[in-house]
Amino acid sequence: MTARAIALFLAAVLVACTGPQARPYDSLSPLPAPSQLDIPVQFASRYAAAQTATTLFHVRFDQRNFSRIYAMADESFRATTNEADLTARLTALRDRVGMSRDENEVGVDIVDRSPDVLITLVMETTFDNATLTETFVWRVTPSEMIFLVRYESRGP
């Protein structure tokens, strides 16, 4: 594991331990600390799992380990995107923007789809060559298994 991957992992663990949050924001400024937001307590650990999965996505993106990103995909994602298409799309994106340098959560939404929860995280992510707004939709099971339902990136 590289020093950057370890740092990202430790940052994700620290964020995961700070508590919950739960409402979308319109501005692209970082959210207040999770403890200051209104995430229902029953979703706190699943919210933290989604944050950790987002950081892991960026680690795998930086490593060009797109097959491991596809392995995180939900059945609904796989029904519309095959691994070759995702790999081509992420390779082109990685070639254009470079490695991730910083990620700030600027929006969150939680939808209870019992027994699972859909968690949407909107991130403002700084890369070597660009800053993108990324949207991650994660399906999180009660046992905190994480599946990527949707990924979008917008930016220059």
Protein backbone atom coordinates (compact mmCIF):
# COMPACT_ATOMS: atom_id res chain seq x y z
CA MET A 1 0.00 0.00 0.00
CA THR A 2 1.34 3.45 -0.88
CA ALA A 3 1.62 6.23 1.67
CA ARG A 4 -1.18 8.11 -0.14
CA ALA A 5 -3.49 5.07 -0.01
CA ILE A 6 -2.79 4.66 3.69
CA ALA A 7 -3.45 8.37 4.29
CA LEU A 8 -6.75 8.18 2.38
CA PHE A 9 -7.76 5.08 4.32
CA LEU A 10 -6.95 6.72 7.66
CA ALA A 11 -8.84 9.86 6.64
CA ALA A 12 -11.85 7.73 5.71
CA VAL A 13 -11.72 5.95 9.06
CA LEU A 14 -11.54 9.26 10.90
CA VAL A 15 -14.47 10.65 8.92
CA ALA A 16 -16.42 7.44 9.51
CA CYS A 17 -15.97 7.76 13.25
CA THR A 18 -17.21 11.35 13.50
CA GLY A 19 -20.90 10.60 13.10
CA PRO A 20 -23.82 10.94 10.70
CA GLN A 21 -25.29 13.50 8.28
CA ALA A 22 -28.34 13.56 6.02
CA ARG A 23 -29.54 16.32 3.79
CA PRO A 24 -28.58 17.60 0.35
CA TYR A 25 -26.97 21.00 -0.08
CA ASP A 26 -27.14 23.25 -3.12
CA SER A 27 -23.77 24.96 -2.67
CA LEU A 28 -20.44 23.46 -3.59
CA SER A 29 -18.82 24.32 -0.29
CA PRO A 30 -17.79 21.59 2.12
CA LEU A 31 -20.46 20.35 4.51
CA PRO A 32 -20.30 21.01 8.23
CA ALA A 33 -18.98 18.24 10.43
CA PRO A 34 -21.30 15.22 10.31
CA SER A 35 -22.18 15.67 13.97
CA GLN A 36 -23.76 19.02 13.03
CA LEU A 37 -26.08 17.49 10.42
CA ASP A 38 -29.38 15.66 10.75
CA ILE A 39 -28.64 12.10 9.69
CA PRO A 40 -30.94 9.69 11.49
CA VAL A 41 -28.90 7.69 13.95
CA GLN A 42 -30.05 4.38 12.42
CA PHE A 43 -28.21 5.32 9.18
CA ALA A 44 -24.99 6.66 10.72
CA SER A 45 -22.86 3.56 10.24
CA ARG A 46 -24.13 3.01 6.70
CA TYR A 47 -23.41 6.64 5.85
CA ALA A 48 -19.85 6.15 7.15
CA ALA A 49 -19.55 3.00 5.02
CA ALA A 50 -20.58 4.99 1.92
CA GLN A 51 -17.96 7.64 2.70
CA THR A 52 -15.30 4.95 3.03
CA ALA A 53 -16.41 3.33 -0.25
CA THR A 54 -16.07 6.71 -2.00
CA THR A 55 -12.51 7.08 -0.75
CA LEU A 56 -11.77 3.50 -1.83
CA PHE A 57 -13.19 4.31 -5.29
CA HIS A 58 -10.65 7.15 -5.57
CA VAL A 59 -7.77 4.94 -4.41
CA ARG A 60 -8.68 2.34 -7.05
CA PHE A 61 -9.17 5.08 -9.66
CA ASP A 62 -5.69 6.43 -8.93
CA GLN A 63 -4.25 2.91 -9.21
CA ARG A 64 -6.16 2.35 -12.48
CA ASN A 65 -7.68 -0.70 -10.82
CA PHE A 66 -10.97 -0.35 -12.69
CA SER A 67 -11.85 -4.03 -12.43
CA ARG A 68 -12.05 -3.64 -8.62
CA ILE A 69 -14.33 -0.62 -9.08
CA TYR A 70 -16.57 -2.74 -11.31
CA ALA A 71 -16.53 -5.45 -8.65
CA MET A 72 -18.21 -2.91 -6.33
CA ALA A 73 -21.05 -2.35 -8.82
CA ASP A 74 -24.67 -3.09 -8.02
CA GLU A 75 -26.69 -5.42 -10.26
CA SER A 76 -28.62 -2.40 -11.59
CA PHE A 77 -25.33 -0.74 -12.60
CA ARG A 78 -24.11 -3.94 -14.27
CA ALA A 79 -27.39 -4.21 -16.19
CA THR A 80 -26.63 -0.94 -17.99
CA THR A 81 -22.81 -0.88 -18.08
CA ASN A 82 -20.43 -3.74 -18.78
CA GLU A 83 -16.91 -3.88 -17.39
CA ALA A 84 -15.23 -3.00 -20.70
CA ASP A 85 -17.36 0.14 -21.09
CA LEU A 86 -16.69 1.27 -17.53
CA THR A 87 -12.97 0.59 -17.91
CA ALA A 88 -12.84 2.62 -21.15
CA ARG A 89 -14.76 5.49 -19.57
CA LEU A 90 -12.66 5.57 -16.40
CA THR A 91 -9.39 5.18 -18.33
CA ALA A 92 -10.25 8.21 -20.47
CA LEU A 93 -11.23 10.18 -17.38
CA ARG A 94 -8.05 9.19 -15.50
CA ASP A 95 -5.90 10.12 -18.51
CA ARG A 96 -7.59 13.54 -18.66
CA VAL A 97 -7.74 14.52 -14.97
CA GLY A 98 -4.81 12.63 -13.43
CA MET A 99 -4.69 11.38 -9.85
CA SER A 100 -7.08 12.53 -7.14
CA ARG A 101 -5.60 14.98 -4.64
CA ASP A 102 -8.49 16.04 -2.41
CA GLU A 103 -12.16 15.21 -1.95
CA ASN A 104 -14.78 17.35 -0.24
CA GLU A 105 -18.31 16.19 0.38
CA VAL A 106 -20.70 18.92 -0.77
CA GLY A 107 -24.01 17.06 -0.71
CA VAL A 108 -25.65 14.01 0.76
CA ASP A 109 -29.04 12.35 0.49
CA ILE A 110 -30.28 9.20 2.18
CA VAL A 111 -33.28 7.21 0.98
CA ASP A 112 -34.58 4.30 3.03
CA ARG A 113 -35.32 1.37 0.71
CA SER A 114 -35.78 -1.17 3.47
CA PRO A 115 -33.92 -3.25 4.18
CA ASP A 116 -31.23 -1.35 2.24
CA VAL A 117 -30.42 2.36 2.12
CA LEU A 118 -29.49 4.40 -0.95
CA ILE A 119 -26.90 7.02 -0.09
CA THR A 120 -26.01 9.72 -2.60
CA LEU A 121 -22.75 11.56 -1.99
CA VAL A 122 -21.86 14.59 -4.09
CA MET A 123 -18.14 15.26 -3.98
CA GLU A 124 -16.01 18.12 -5.22
CA THR A 125 -12.81 16.29 -6.06
CA THR A 126 -9.54 17.93 -7.01
CA PHE A 127 -7.34 15.98 -9.41
CA ASP A 128 -3.92 16.82 -10.90
CA ASN A 129 -5.47 18.52 -13.93
CA ALA A 130 -9.05 19.43 -13.00
CA THR A 131 -11.66 19.73 -10.30
CA LEU A 132 -14.77 17.62 -10.86
CA THR A 133 -18.15 17.33 -9.22
CA GLU A 134 -18.74 13.63 -8.74
CA THR A 135 -21.99 11.95 -7.78
CA PHE A 136 -21.89 8.53 -6.16
CA VAL A 137 -25.03 6.55 -5.39
CA TRP A 138 -24.35 3.64 -3.06
CA ARG A 139 -26.70 0.87 -1.96
CA VAL A 140 -25.77 -0.08 1.59
CA THR A 141 -27.17 -3.24 3.16
CA PRO A 142 -27.94 -3.64 6.88
CA SER A 143 -24.64 -5.53 7.21
CA GLU A 144 -22.90 -2.54 5.54
CA MET A 145 -22.09 -4.25 2.27
CA ILE A 146 -21.65 -1.49 -0.32
CA PHE A 147 -22.69 -1.54 -3.97
CA LEU A 148 -22.18 1.26 -6.51
CA VAL A 149 -25.52 2.04 -8.13
CA ARG A 150 -24.45 5.10 -10.15
CA TYR A 151 -21.36 7.22 -10.80
CA GLU A 152 -21.27 10.52 -12.67
CA SER A 153 -18.60 13.18 -13.05
CA ARG A 154 -19.01 16.76 -14.24
CA GLY A 155 -16.36 19.33 -14.86
CA PRO A 156 -14.01 20.76 -17.42
